[in-house]
């Protein structure tokens, strides 16, 4: 069984329900619903989180003790190179030198 929570895909785009900072609270009612279904084995409940949900899944699993397993596949890699590829060369050099003169430029980029 899969679902999109607040701030994700169809829930955000079609229902305009934004992300919430206490996203781990979302799974409890979902698990309550799932455990009422015949096809769900109450002894073998697992949560799989992919992409950003790979970050959220362990947060959820740390609080929801009815889960038997949690698989987190965040899919994130070191984003430093990707971020640095968007920074102008002189700012890149200043950043690597830890030059505080680059701070105003970074403020403009946010």
PDB file of N, CA and C in Angstrom:
ATOM      1  N   UNK A   1       0.852  -1.165   0.000  1.00  0.00           N
ATOM      2  CA  UNK A   1       0.000   0.000   0.000  1.00  0.00           C
ATOM      3  C   UNK A   1       0.901   1.232   0.000  1.00  0.00           C
ATOM      4  N   UNK A   2       0.613   2.175  -0.842  1.00  0.00           N
ATOM      5  CA  UNK A   2       1.384   3.405  -0.904  1.00  0.00           C
ATOM      6  C   UNK A   2       0.496   4.608  -0.647  1.00  0.00           C
ATOM      7  N   UNK A   3       1.099   5.694  -0.248  1.00  0.00           N
ATOM      8  CA  UNK A   3       0.330   6.915  -0.037  1.00  0.00           C
ATOM      9  C   UNK A   3       1.244   8.122  -0.169  1.00  0.00           C
ATOM     10  N   UNK A   4       0.652   9.232  -0.511  1.00  0.00           N
ATOM     11  CA  UNK A   4       1.347  10.518  -0.502  1.00  0.00           C
ATOM     12  C   UNK A   4       0.837  11.282   0.704  1.00  0.00           C
ATOM     13  N   UNK A   5       1.760  11.851   1.432  1.00  0.00           N
ATOM     14  CA  UNK A   5       1.382  12.625   2.607  1.00  0.00           C
ATOM     15  C   UNK A   5       1.341  14.111   2.304  1.00  0.00           C
ATOM     16  N   UNK A   6       1.060  14.908   3.303  1.00  0.00           N
ATOM     17  CA  UNK A   6       0.987  16.359   3.130  1.00  0.00           C
ATOM     18  C   UNK A   6       2.265  16.907   2.488  1.00  0.00           C
ATOM     19  N   UNK A   7       2.079  17.766   1.502  1.00  0.00           N
ATOM     20  CA  UNK A   7       3.207  18.397   0.837  1.00  0.00           C
ATOM     21  C   UNK A   7       3.833  17.571  -0.263  1.00  0.00           C
ATOM     22  N   UNK A   8       3.259  16.411  -0.585  1.00  0.00           N
ATOM     23  CA  UNK A   8       3.843  15.546  -1.595  1.00  0.00           C
ATOM     24  C   UNK A   8       2.879  15.323  -2.751  1.00  0.00           C
ATOM     25  N   UNK A   9       3.409  15.394  -3.937  1.00  0.00           N
ATOM     26  CA  UNK A   9       2.747  15.037  -5.183  1.00  0.00           C
ATOM     27  C   UNK A   9       1.284  15.462  -5.242  1.00  0.00           C
ATOM     28  N   UNK A  10       0.381  14.496  -5.424  1.00  0.00           N
ATOM     29  CA  UNK A  10      -1.028  14.798  -5.616  1.00  0.00           C
ATOM     30  C   UNK A  10      -1.656  15.522  -4.439  1.00  0.00           C
ATOM     31  N   UNK A  11      -1.237  15.217  -3.246  1.00  0.00           N
ATOM     32  CA  UNK A  11      -1.807  15.871  -2.065  1.00  0.00           C
ATOM     33  C   UNK A  11      -1.512  17.371  -2.109  1.00  0.00           C
ATOM     34  N   UNK A  12      -0.314  17.715  -2.539  1.00  0.00           N
ATOM     35  CA  UNK A  12       0.042  19.123  -2.653  1.00  0.00           C
ATOM     36  C   UNK A  12      -0.579  19.749  -3.890  1.00  0.00           C
ATOM     37  N   UNK A  13      -0.419  19.101  -5.026  1.00  0.00           N
ATOM     38  CA  UNK A  13      -0.834  19.712  -6.291  1.00  0.00           C
ATOM     39  C   UNK A  13      -2.348  19.711  -6.495  1.00  0.00           C
ATOM     40  N   UNK A  14      -3.017  18.654  -6.117  1.00  0.00           N
ATOM     41  CA  UNK A  14      -4.453  18.562  -6.367  1.00  0.00           C
ATOM     42  C   UNK A  14      -5.295  19.062  -5.197  1.00  0.00           C
ATOM     43  N   UNK A  15      -4.818  18.811  -3.996  1.00  0.00           N
ATOM     44  CA  UNK A  15      -5.601  19.210  -2.812  1.00  0.00           C
ATOM     45  C   UNK A  15      -5.040  20.442  -2.114  1.00  0.00           C
ATOM     46  N   UNK A  16      -3.830  20.863  -2.562  1.00  0.00           N
ATOM     47  CA  UNK A  16      -3.151  22.032  -1.996  1.00  0.00           C
ATOM     48  C   UNK A  16      -2.921  21.905  -0.494  1.00  0.00           C
ATOM     49  N   UNK A  17      -2.623  20.685  -0.046  1.00  0.00           N
ATOM     50  CA  UNK A  17      -2.291  20.447   1.355  1.00  0.00           C
ATOM     51  C   UNK A  17      -0.772  20.546   1.478  1.00  0.00           C
ATOM     52  N   UNK A  18      -0.269  21.545   2.196  1.00  0.00           N
ATOM     53  CA  UNK A  18       1.180  21.765   2.253  1.00  0.00           C
ATOM     54  C   UNK A  18       1.897  20.773   3.176  1.00  0.00           C
ATOM     55  N   UNK A  19       3.206  20.770   3.045  1.00  0.00           N
ATOM     56  CA  UNK A  19       4.066  19.972   3.925  1.00  0.00           C
ATOM     57  C   UNK A  19       3.870  20.453   5.352  1.00  0.00           C
ATOM     58  N   UNK A  20       4.047  19.563   6.298  1.00  0.00           N
ATOM     59  CA  UNK A  20       3.954  19.945   7.703  1.00  0.00           C
ATOM     60  C   UNK A  20       5.235  19.558   8.427  1.00  0.00           C
ATOM     61  N   UNK A  21       5.679  20.363   9.374  1.00  0.00           N
ATOM     62  CA  UNK A  21       6.957  20.099  10.038  1.00  0.00           C
ATOM     63  C   UNK A  21       6.948  18.845  10.923  1.00  0.00           C
ATOM     64  N   UNK A  22       5.786  18.432  11.362  1.00  0.00           N
ATOM     65  CA  UNK A  22       5.683  17.220  12.188  1.00  0.00           C
ATOM     66  C   UNK A  22       5.193  16.061  11.327  1.00  0.00           C
ATOM     67  N   UNK A  23       5.823  15.884  10.172  1.00  0.00           N
ATOM     68  CA  UNK A  23       5.377  14.899   9.192  1.00  0.00           C
ATOM     69  C   UNK A  23       5.276  13.500   9.784  1.00  0.00           C
ATOM     70  N   UNK A  24       6.075  13.209  10.790  1.00  0.00           N
ATOM     71  CA  UNK A  24       6.013  11.865  11.385  1.00  0.00           C
ATOM     72  C   UNK A  24       4.641  11.575  11.993  1.00  0.00           C
ATOM     73  N   UNK A  25       3.860  12.592  12.305  1.00  0.00           N
ATOM     74  CA  UNK A  25       2.507  12.385  12.849  1.00  0.00           C
ATOM     75  C   UNK A  25       1.539  11.875  11.785  1.00  0.00           C
ATOM     76  N   UNK A  26       1.925  11.967  10.528  1.00  0.00           N
ATOM     77  CA  UNK A  26       1.052  11.569   9.426  1.00  0.00           C
ATOM     78  C   UNK A  26       0.862  10.056   9.359  1.00  0.00           C
ATOM     79  N   UNK A  27       1.874   9.297   9.700  1.00  0.00           N
ATOM     80  CA  UNK A  27       1.802   7.852   9.487  1.00  0.00           C
ATOM     81  C   UNK A  27       0.865   7.130  10.447  1.00  0.00           C
ATOM     82  N   UNK A  28       0.694   7.604  11.641  1.00  0.00           N
ATOM     83  CA  UNK A  28      -0.137   6.886  12.615  1.00  0.00           C
ATOM     84  C   UNK A  28      -1.543   6.619  12.085  1.00  0.00           C
ATOM     85  N   UNK A  29      -2.264   7.615  11.560  1.00  0.00           N
ATOM     86  CA  UNK A  29      -3.593   7.309  11.013  1.00  0.00           C
ATOM     87  C   UNK A  29      -3.533   6.436   9.760  1.00  0.00           C
ATOM     88  N   UNK A  30      -2.465   6.561   8.982  1.00  0.00           N
ATOM     89  CA  UNK A  30      -2.314   5.710   7.798  1.00  0.00           C
ATOM     90  C   UNK A  30      -2.141   4.257   8.238  1.00  0.00           C
ATOM     91  N   UNK A  31      -1.314   4.039   9.248  1.00  0.00           N
ATOM     92  CA  UNK A  31      -1.100   2.688   9.760  1.00  0.00           C
ATOM     93  C   UNK A  31      -2.377   2.147  10.411  1.00  0.00           C
ATOM     94  N   UNK A  32      -3.104   2.993  11.118  1.00  0.00           N
ATOM     95  CA  UNK A  32      -4.392   2.573  11.686  1.00  0.00           C
ATOM     96  C   UNK A  32      -5.307   2.045  10.583  1.00  0.00           C
ATOM     97  N   UNK A  33      -5.386   2.779   9.476  1.00  0.00           N
ATOM     98  CA  UNK A  33      -6.212   2.374   8.337  1.00  0.00           C
ATOM     99  C   UNK A  33      -5.706   1.062   7.743  1.00  0.00           C
ATOM    100  N   UNK A  34      -4.416   0.976   7.507  1.00  0.00           N
ATOM    101  CA  UNK A  34      -3.840  -0.221   6.873  1.00  0.00           C
ATOM    102  C   UNK A  34      -4.070  -1.472   7.710  1.00  0.00           C
ATOM    103  N   UNK A  35      -3.948  -1.344   9.014  1.00  0.00           N
ATOM    104  CA  UNK A  35      -4.093  -2.522   9.884  1.00  0.00           C
ATOM    105  C   UNK A  35      -5.530  -3.041   9.945  1.00  0.00           C
ATOM    106  N   UNK A  36      -6.484  -2.277   9.458  1.00  0.00           N
ATOM    107  CA  UNK A  36      -7.873  -2.739   9.398  1.00  0.00           C
ATOM    108  C   UNK A  36      -8.162  -3.519   8.121  1.00  0.00           C
ATOM    109  N   UNK A  37      -7.215  -3.522   7.201  1.00  0.00           N
ATOM    110  CA  UNK A  37      -7.421  -4.200   5.915  1.00  0.00           C
ATOM    111  C   UNK A  37      -6.995  -5.660   6.013  1.00  0.00           C
ATOM    112  N   UNK A  38      -7.788  -6.536   5.394  1.00  0.00           N
ATOM    113  CA  UNK A  38      -7.519  -7.982   5.451  1.00  0.00           C
ATOM    114  C   UNK A  38      -6.171  -8.355   4.860  1.00  0.00           C
ATOM    115  N   UNK A  39      -5.774  -7.673   3.783  1.00  0.00           N
ATOM    116  CA  UNK A  39      -4.546  -8.057   3.090  1.00  0.00           C
ATOM    117  C   UNK A  39      -3.274  -7.603   3.795  1.00  0.00           C
ATOM    118  N   UNK A  40      -3.402  -6.888   4.895  1.00  0.00           N
ATOM    119  CA  UNK A  40      -2.232  -6.424   5.645  1.00  0.00           C
ATOM    120  C   UNK A  40      -1.980  -7.365   6.816  1.00  0.00           C
ATOM    121  N   UNK A  41      -0.798  -7.942   6.832  1.00  0.00           N
ATOM    122  CA  UNK A  41      -0.397  -8.821   7.931  1.00  0.00           C
ATOM    123  C   UNK A  41       0.083  -7.938   9.087  1.00  0.00           C
ATOM    124  N   UNK A  42      -0.623  -7.941  10.210  1.00  0.00           N
ATOM    125  CA  UNK A  42      -0.256  -7.053  11.314  1.00  0.00           C
ATOM    126  C   UNK A  42       1.099  -7.371  11.942  1.00  0.00           C
ATOM    127  N   UNK A  43       1.639  -8.532  11.649  1.00  0.00           N
ATOM    128  CA  UNK A  43       2.956  -8.904  12.186  1.00  0.00           C
ATOM    129  C   UNK A  43       4.094  -8.546  11.244  1.00  0.00           C
ATOM    130  N   UNK A  44       3.776  -8.096  10.030  1.00  0.00           N
ATOM    131  CA  UNK A  44       4.821  -7.850   9.035  1.00  0.00           C
ATOM    132  C   UNK A  44       4.633  -6.480   8.371  1.00  0.00           C
ATOM    133  N   UNK A  45       4.607  -5.448   9.173  1.00  0.00           N
ATOM    134  CA  UNK A  45       4.418  -4.102   8.663  1.00  0.00           C
ATOM    135  C   UNK A  45       5.783  -3.477   8.427  1.00  0.00           C
ATOM    136  N   UNK A  46       5.974  -2.940   7.238  1.00  0.00           N
ATOM    137  CA  UNK A  46       7.238  -2.279   6.911  1.00  0.00           C
ATOM    138  C   UNK A  46       6.943  -0.930   6.269  1.00  0.00           C
ATOM    139  N   UNK A  47       7.793  -0.009   6.522  1.00  0.00           N
ATOM    140  CA  UNK A  47       7.700   1.311   5.915  1.00  0.00           C
ATOM    141  C   UNK A  47       8.890   1.468   4.982  1.00  0.00           C
ATOM    142  N   UNK A  48       8.617   1.847   3.739  1.00  0.00           N
ATOM    143  CA  UNK A  48       9.668   2.094   2.757  1.00  0.00           C
ATOM    144  C   UNK A  48       9.573   3.549   2.341  1.00  0.00           C
ATOM    145  N   UNK A  49      10.659   4.270   2.500  1.00  0.00           N
ATOM    146  CA  UNK A  49      10.698   5.672   2.085  1.00  0.00           C
ATOM    147  C   UNK A  49      11.744   5.867   1.013  1.00  0.00           C
ATOM    148  N   UNK A  50      11.321   6.424  -0.120  1.00  0.00           N
ATOM    149  CA  UNK A  50      12.249   6.710  -1.212  1.00  0.00           C
ATOM    150  C   UNK A  50      12.328   8.217  -1.426  1.00  0.00           C
ATOM    151  N   UNK A  51      13.459   8.670  -1.902  1.00  0.00           N
ATOM    152  CA  UNK A  51      13.705  10.077  -2.168  1.00  0.00           C
ATOM    153  C   UNK A  51      13.587  10.839  -0.845  1.00  0.00           C
ATOM    154  N   UNK A  52      12.851  11.950  -0.815  1.00  0.00           N
ATOM    155  CA  UNK A  52      12.755  12.707   0.435  1.00  0.00           C
ATOM    156  C   UNK A  52      12.082  11.883   1.534  1.00  0.00           C
ATOM    157  N   UNK A  53      11.208  10.972   1.135  1.00  0.00           N
ATOM    158  CA  UNK A  53      10.569  10.099   2.133  1.00  0.00           C
ATOM    159  C   UNK A  53      11.593   9.164   2.766  1.00  0.00           C
ATOM    160  N   UNK A  54      12.736   8.972   2.090  1.00  0.00           N
ATOM    161  CA  UNK A  54      13.830   8.207   2.692  1.00  0.00           C
ATOM    162  C   UNK A  54      14.431   8.923   3.886  1.00  0.00           C
ATOM    163  N   UNK A  55      14.257  10.217   3.926  1.00  0.00           N
ATOM    164  CA  UNK A  55      14.638  10.995   5.114  1.00  0.00           C
ATOM    165  C   UNK A  55      13.529  10.929   6.160  1.00  0.00           C
ATOM    166  N   UNK A  56      12.284  11.020   5.698  1.00  0.00           N
ATOM    167  CA  UNK A  56      11.155  11.044   6.624  1.00  0.00           C
ATOM    168  C   UNK A  56      10.894   9.688   7.285  1.00  0.00           C
ATOM    169  N   UNK A  57      11.121   8.607   6.553  1.00  0.00           N
ATOM    170  CA  UNK A  57      10.788   7.266   7.069  1.00  0.00           C
ATOM    171  C   UNK A  57      11.454   6.952   8.409  1.00  0.00           C
ATOM    172  N   UNK A  58      12.754   7.170   8.584  1.00  0.00           N
ATOM    173  CA  UNK A  58      13.346   6.880   9.907  1.00  0.00           C
ATOM    174  C   UNK A  58      12.783   7.766  11.018  1.00  0.00           C
ATOM    175  N   UNK A  59      12.428   9.004  10.686  1.00  0.00           N
ATOM    176  CA  UNK A  59      11.802   9.859  11.700  1.00  0.00           C
ATOM    177  C   UNK A  59      10.492   9.245  12.149  1.00  0.00           C
ATOM    178  N   UNK A  60       9.718   8.763  11.187  1.00  0.00           N
ATOM    179  CA  UNK A  60       8.441   8.126  11.494  1.00  0.00           C
ATOM    180  C   UNK A  60       8.671   6.856  12.306  1.00  0.00           C
ATOM    181  N   UNK A  61       9.600   6.027  11.841  1.00  0.00           N
ATOM    182  CA  UNK A  61       9.848   4.736  12.493  1.00  0.00           C
ATOM    183  C   UNK A  61      10.346   4.899  13.924  1.00  0.00           C
ATOM    184  N   UNK A  62      11.004   5.998  14.204  1.00  0.00           N
ATOM    185  CA  UNK A  62      11.495   6.204  15.574  1.00  0.00           C
ATOM    186  C   UNK A  62      10.358   6.439  16.561  1.00  0.00           C
ATOM    187  N   UNK A  63       9.201   6.832  16.054  1.00  0.00           N
ATOM    188  CA  UNK A  63       8.056   7.113  16.923  1.00  0.00           C
ATOM    189  C   UNK A  63       6.920   6.107  16.795  1.00  0.00           C
ATOM    190  N   UNK A  64       6.848   5.434  15.660  1.00  0.00           N
ATOM    191  CA  UNK A  64       5.740   4.493  15.418  1.00  0.00           C
ATOM    192  C   UNK A  64       6.252   3.076  15.653  1.00  0.00           C
ATOM    193  N   UNK A  65       6.000   2.553  16.847  1.00  0.00           N
ATOM    194  CA  UNK A  65       6.573   1.270  17.259  1.00  0.00           C
ATOM    195  C   UNK A  65       5.803   0.051  16.753  1.00  0.00           C
ATOM    196  N   UNK A  66       4.738   0.266  15.992  1.00  0.00           N
ATOM    197  CA  UNK A  66       4.022  -0.866  15.406  1.00  0.00           C
ATOM    198  C   UNK A  66       4.659  -1.351  14.110  1.00  0.00           C
ATOM    199  N   UNK A  67       5.681  -0.659  13.663  1.00  0.00           N
ATOM    200  CA  UNK A  67       6.377  -1.077  12.435  1.00  0.00           C
ATOM    201  C   UNK A  67       7.366  -2.186  12.755  1.00  0.00           C
ATOM    202  N   UNK A  68       7.439  -3.170  11.874  1.00  0.00           N
ATOM    203  CA  UNK A  68       8.407  -4.252  12.049  1.00  0.00           C
ATOM    204  C   UNK A  68       9.720  -3.939  11.351  1.00  0.00           C
ATOM    205  N   UNK A  69       9.675  -3.072  10.336  1.00  0.00           N
ATOM    206  CA  UNK A  69      10.890  -2.740   9.586  1.00  0.00           C
ATOM    207  C   UNK A  69      10.734  -1.372   8.939  1.00  0.00           C
ATOM    208  N   UNK A  70      11.876  -0.775   8.653  1.00  0.00           N
ATOM    209  CA  UNK A  70      11.914   0.507   7.958  1.00  0.00           C
ATOM    210  C   UNK A  70      13.052   0.464   6.942  1.00  0.00           C
ATOM    211  N   UNK A  71      12.744   0.798   5.705  1.00  0.00           N
ATOM    212  CA  UNK A  71      13.755   0.878   4.653  1.00  0.00           C
ATOM    213  C   UNK A  71      13.833   2.333   4.212  1.00  0.00           C
ATOM    214  N   UNK A  72      15.003   2.923   4.338  1.00  0.00           N
ATOM    215  CA  UNK A  72      15.193   4.319   3.945  1.00  0.00           C
ATOM    216  C   UNK A  72      16.132   4.375   2.756  1.00  0.00           C
ATOM    217  N   UNK A  73      15.625   4.858   1.637  1.00  0.00           N
ATOM    218  CA  UNK A  73      16.420   5.020   0.428  1.00  0.00           C
ATOM    219  C   UNK A  73      16.317   6.479   0.008  1.00  0.00           C
ATOM    220  N   UNK A  74      17.125   7.351   0.625  1.00  0.00           N
ATOM    221  CA  UNK A  74      16.963   8.772   0.370  1.00  0.00           C
ATOM    222  C   UNK A  74      17.363   9.205  -1.032  1.00  0.00           C
ATOM    223  N   UNK A  75      18.199   8.426  -1.703  1.00  0.00           N
ATOM    224  CA  UNK A  75      18.569   8.774  -3.065  1.00  0.00           C
ATOM    225  C   UNK A  75      19.392  10.040  -3.176  1.00  0.00           C
ATOM    226  N   UNK A  76      19.799  10.622  -2.056  1.00  0.00           N
ATOM    227  CA  UNK A  76      20.605  11.820  -2.118  1.00  0.00           C
ATOM    228  C   UNK A  76      22.080  11.456  -2.151  1.00  0.00           C
ATOM    229  N   UNK A  77      22.768  12.209  -2.937  1.00  0.00           N
ATOM    230  CA  UNK A  77      24.203  12.057  -3.028  1.00  0.00           C
ATOM    231  C   UNK A  77      24.815  13.360  -2.543  1.00  0.00           C
ATOM    232  N   UNK A  78      26.110  13.448  -2.592  1.00  0.00           N
ATOM    233  CA  UNK A  78      26.787  14.676  -2.219  1.00  0.00           C
ATOM    234  C   UNK A  78      26.357  15.769  -3.201  1.00  0.00           C
ATOM    235  N   UNK A  79      25.645  16.746  -2.723  1.00  0.00           N
ATOM    236  CA  UNK A  79      25.130  17.802  -3.583  1.00  0.00           C
ATOM    237  C   UNK A  79      26.088  18.981  -3.717  1.00  0.00           C
ATOM    238  N   UNK A  80      27.249  18.878  -3.085  1.00  0.00           N
ATOM    239  CA  UNK A  80      28.202  19.983  -3.107  1.00  0.00           C
ATOM    240  C   UNK A  80      28.600  20.349  -4.534  1.00  0.00           C
ATOM    241  N   UNK A  81      28.988  19.356  -5.343  1.00  0.00           N
ATOM    242  CA  UNK A  81      29.413  19.644  -6.717  1.00  0.00           C
ATOM    243  C   UNK A  81      28.284  20.253  -7.542  1.00  0.00           C
ATOM    244  N   UNK A  82      27.069  19.743  -7.361  1.00  0.00           N
ATOM    245  CA  UNK A  82      25.937  20.289  -8.104  1.00  0.00           C
ATOM    246  C   UNK A  82      25.686  21.743  -7.708  1.00  0.00           C
ATOM    247  N   UNK A  83      25.773  22.030  -6.422  1.00  0.00           N
ATOM    248  CA  UNK A  83      25.564  23.406  -5.959  1.00  0.00           C
ATOM    249  C   UNK A  83      26.688  24.310  -6.452  1.00  0.00           C
ATOM    250  N   UNK A  84      27.908  23.833  -6.355  1.00  0.00           N
ATOM    251  CA  UNK A  84      29.051  24.657  -6.771  1.00  0.00           C
ATOM    252  C   UNK A  84      29.047  24.925  -8.269  1.00  0.00           C
ATOM    253  N   UNK A  85      28.450  24.067  -9.060  1.00  0.00           N
ATOM    254  CA  UNK A  85      28.418  24.292 -10.509  1.00  0.00           C
ATOM    255  C   UNK A  85      27.561  25.510 -10.870  1.00  0.00           C
ATOM    256  N   UNK A  86      26.743  25.964  -9.936  1.00  0.00           N
ATOM    257  CA  UNK A  86      25.870  27.122 -10.174  1.00  0.00           C
ATOM    258  C   UNK A  86      26.442  28.422  -9.615  1.00  0.00           C
ATOM    259  N   UNK A  87      27.576  28.328  -8.963  1.00  0.00           N
ATOM    260  CA  UNK A  87      28.185  29.500  -8.341  1.00  0.00           C
ATOM    261  C   UNK A  87      29.223  30.083  -9.303  1.00  0.00           C
ATOM    262  N   UNK A  88      29.232  31.406  -9.496  1.00  0.00           N
ATOM    263  CA  UNK A  88      30.244  32.015 -10.354  1.00  0.00           C
ATOM    264  C   UNK A  88      31.665  31.670  -9.878  1.00  0.00           C
ATOM    265  N   UNK A  89      32.579  31.572 -10.822  1.00  0.00           N
ATOM    266  CA  UNK A  89      33.942  31.110 -10.527  1.00  0.00           C
ATOM    267  C   UNK A  89      34.603  31.897  -9.405  1.00  0.00           C
ATOM    268  N   UNK A  90      34.530  33.242  -9.436  1.00  0.00           N
ATOM    269  CA  UNK A  90      35.209  33.984  -8.372  1.00  0.00           C
ATOM    270  C   UNK A  90      34.585  33.731  -7.009  1.00  0.00           C
ATOM    271  N   UNK A  91      33.277  33.561  -6.965  1.00  0.00           N
ATOM    272  CA  UNK A  91      32.622  33.246  -5.697  1.00  0.00           C
ATOM    273  C   UNK A  91      33.005  31.842  -5.243  1.00  0.00           C
ATOM    274  N   UNK A  92      33.137  30.930  -6.198  1.00  0.00           N
ATOM    275  CA  UNK A  92      33.547  29.565  -5.871  1.00  0.00           C
ATOM    276  C   UNK A  92      34.917  29.563  -5.203  1.00  0.00           C
ATOM    277  N   UNK A  93      35.843  30.306  -5.784  1.00  0.00           N
ATOM    278  CA  UNK A  93      37.191  30.393  -5.209  1.00  0.00           C
ATOM    279  C   UNK A  93      37.159  31.028  -3.828  1.00  0.00           C
ATOM    280  N   UNK A  94      36.350  32.064  -3.656  1.00  0.00           N
ATOM    281  CA  UNK A  94      36.225  32.719  -2.354  1.00  0.00           C
ATOM    282  C   UNK A  94      35.627  31.762  -1.322  1.00  0.00           C
ATOM    283  N   UNK A  95      34.642  31.003  -1.736  1.00  0.00           N
ATOM    284  CA  UNK A  95      34.045  30.024  -0.817  1.00  0.00           C
ATOM    285  C   UNK A  95      35.071  28.996  -0.364  1.00  0.00           C
ATOM    286  N   UNK A  96      35.852  28.497  -1.308  1.00  0.00           N
ATOM    287  CA  UNK A  96      36.846  27.479  -0.976  1.00  0.00           C
ATOM    288  C   UNK A  96      37.946  28.033  -0.082  1.00  0.00           C
ATOM    289  N   UNK A  97      38.162  29.343  -0.135  1.00  0.00           N
ATOM    290  CA  UNK A  97      39.140  29.989   0.761  1.00  0.00           C
ATOM    291  C   UNK A  97      38.501  30.389   2.085  1.00  0.00           C
ATOM    292  N   UNK A  98      37.202  30.190   2.199  1.00  0.00           N
ATOM    293  CA  UNK A  98      36.430  30.610   3.370  1.00  0.00           C
ATOM    294  C   UNK A  98      36.496  32.120   3.556  1.00  0.00           C
ATOM    295  N   UNK A  99      36.440  32.834   2.439  1.00  0.00           N
ATOM    296  CA  UNK A  99      36.501  34.293   2.420  1.00  0.00           C
ATOM    297  C   UNK A  99      35.113  34.850   2.730  1.00  0.00           C
ATOM    298  N   UNK A 100      35.002  35.591   3.809  1.00  0.00           N
ATOM    299  CA  UNK A 100      33.703  36.132   4.224  1.00  0.00           C
ATOM    300  C   UNK A 100      33.164  37.184   3.268  1.00  0.00           C
ATOM    301  N   UNK A 101      33.994  37.681   2.372  1.00  0.00           N
ATOM    302  CA  UNK A 101      33.543  38.681   1.400  1.00  0.00           C
ATOM    303  C   UNK A 101      32.489  38.113   0.457  1.00  0.00           C
ATOM    304  N   UNK A 102      32.395  36.801   0.355  1.00  0.00           N
ATOM    305  CA  UNK A 102      31.414  36.177  -0.529  1.00  0.00           C
ATOM    306  C   UNK A 102      30.010  36.126   0.094  1.00  0.00           C
ATOM    307  N   UNK A 103      29.900  36.362   1.390  1.00  0.00           N
ATOM    308  CA  UNK A 103      28.606  36.278   2.072  1.00  0.00           C
ATOM    309  C   UNK A 103      27.504  37.137   1.453  1.00  0.00           C
ATOM    310  N   UNK A 104      27.779  38.412   1.084  1.00  0.00           N
ATOM    311  CA  UNK A 104      26.699  39.189   0.460  1.00  0.00           C
ATOM    312  C   UNK A 104      26.170  38.573  -0.834  1.00  0.00           C
ATOM    313  N   UNK A 105      27.050  37.978  -1.628  1.00  0.00           N
ATOM    314  CA  UNK A 105      26.616  37.311  -2.843  1.00  0.00           C
ATOM    315  C   UNK A 105      25.718  36.113  -2.514  1.00  0.00           C
ATOM    316  N   UNK A 106      26.113  35.337  -1.514  1.00  0.00           N
ATOM    317  CA  UNK A 106      25.312  34.175  -1.119  1.00  0.00           C
ATOM    318  C   UNK A 106      23.947  34.611  -0.609  1.00  0.00           C
ATOM    319  N   UNK A 107      23.902  35.740   0.091  1.00  0.00           N
ATOM    320  CA  UNK A 107      22.607  36.237   0.572  1.00  0.00           C
ATOM    321  C   UNK A 107      21.678  36.563  -0.593  1.00  0.00           C
ATOM    322  N   UNK A 108      22.225  37.114  -1.677  1.00  0.00           N
ATOM    323  CA  UNK A 108      21.418  37.434  -2.845  1.00  0.00           C
ATOM    324  C   UNK A 108      20.895  36.178  -3.530  1.00  0.00           C
ATOM    325  N   UNK A 109      21.628  35.068  -3.407  1.00  0.00           N
ATOM    326  CA  UNK A 109      21.253  33.824  -4.082  1.00  0.00           C
ATOM    327  C   UNK A 109      20.136  33.086  -3.362  1.00  0.00           C
ATOM    328  N   UNK A 110      19.863  33.414  -2.108  1.00  0.00           N
ATOM    329  CA  UNK A 110      18.843  32.677  -1.354  1.00  0.00           C
ATOM    330  C   UNK A 110      17.463  33.190  -1.621  1.00  0.00           C
TER     331      UNK A 110
END
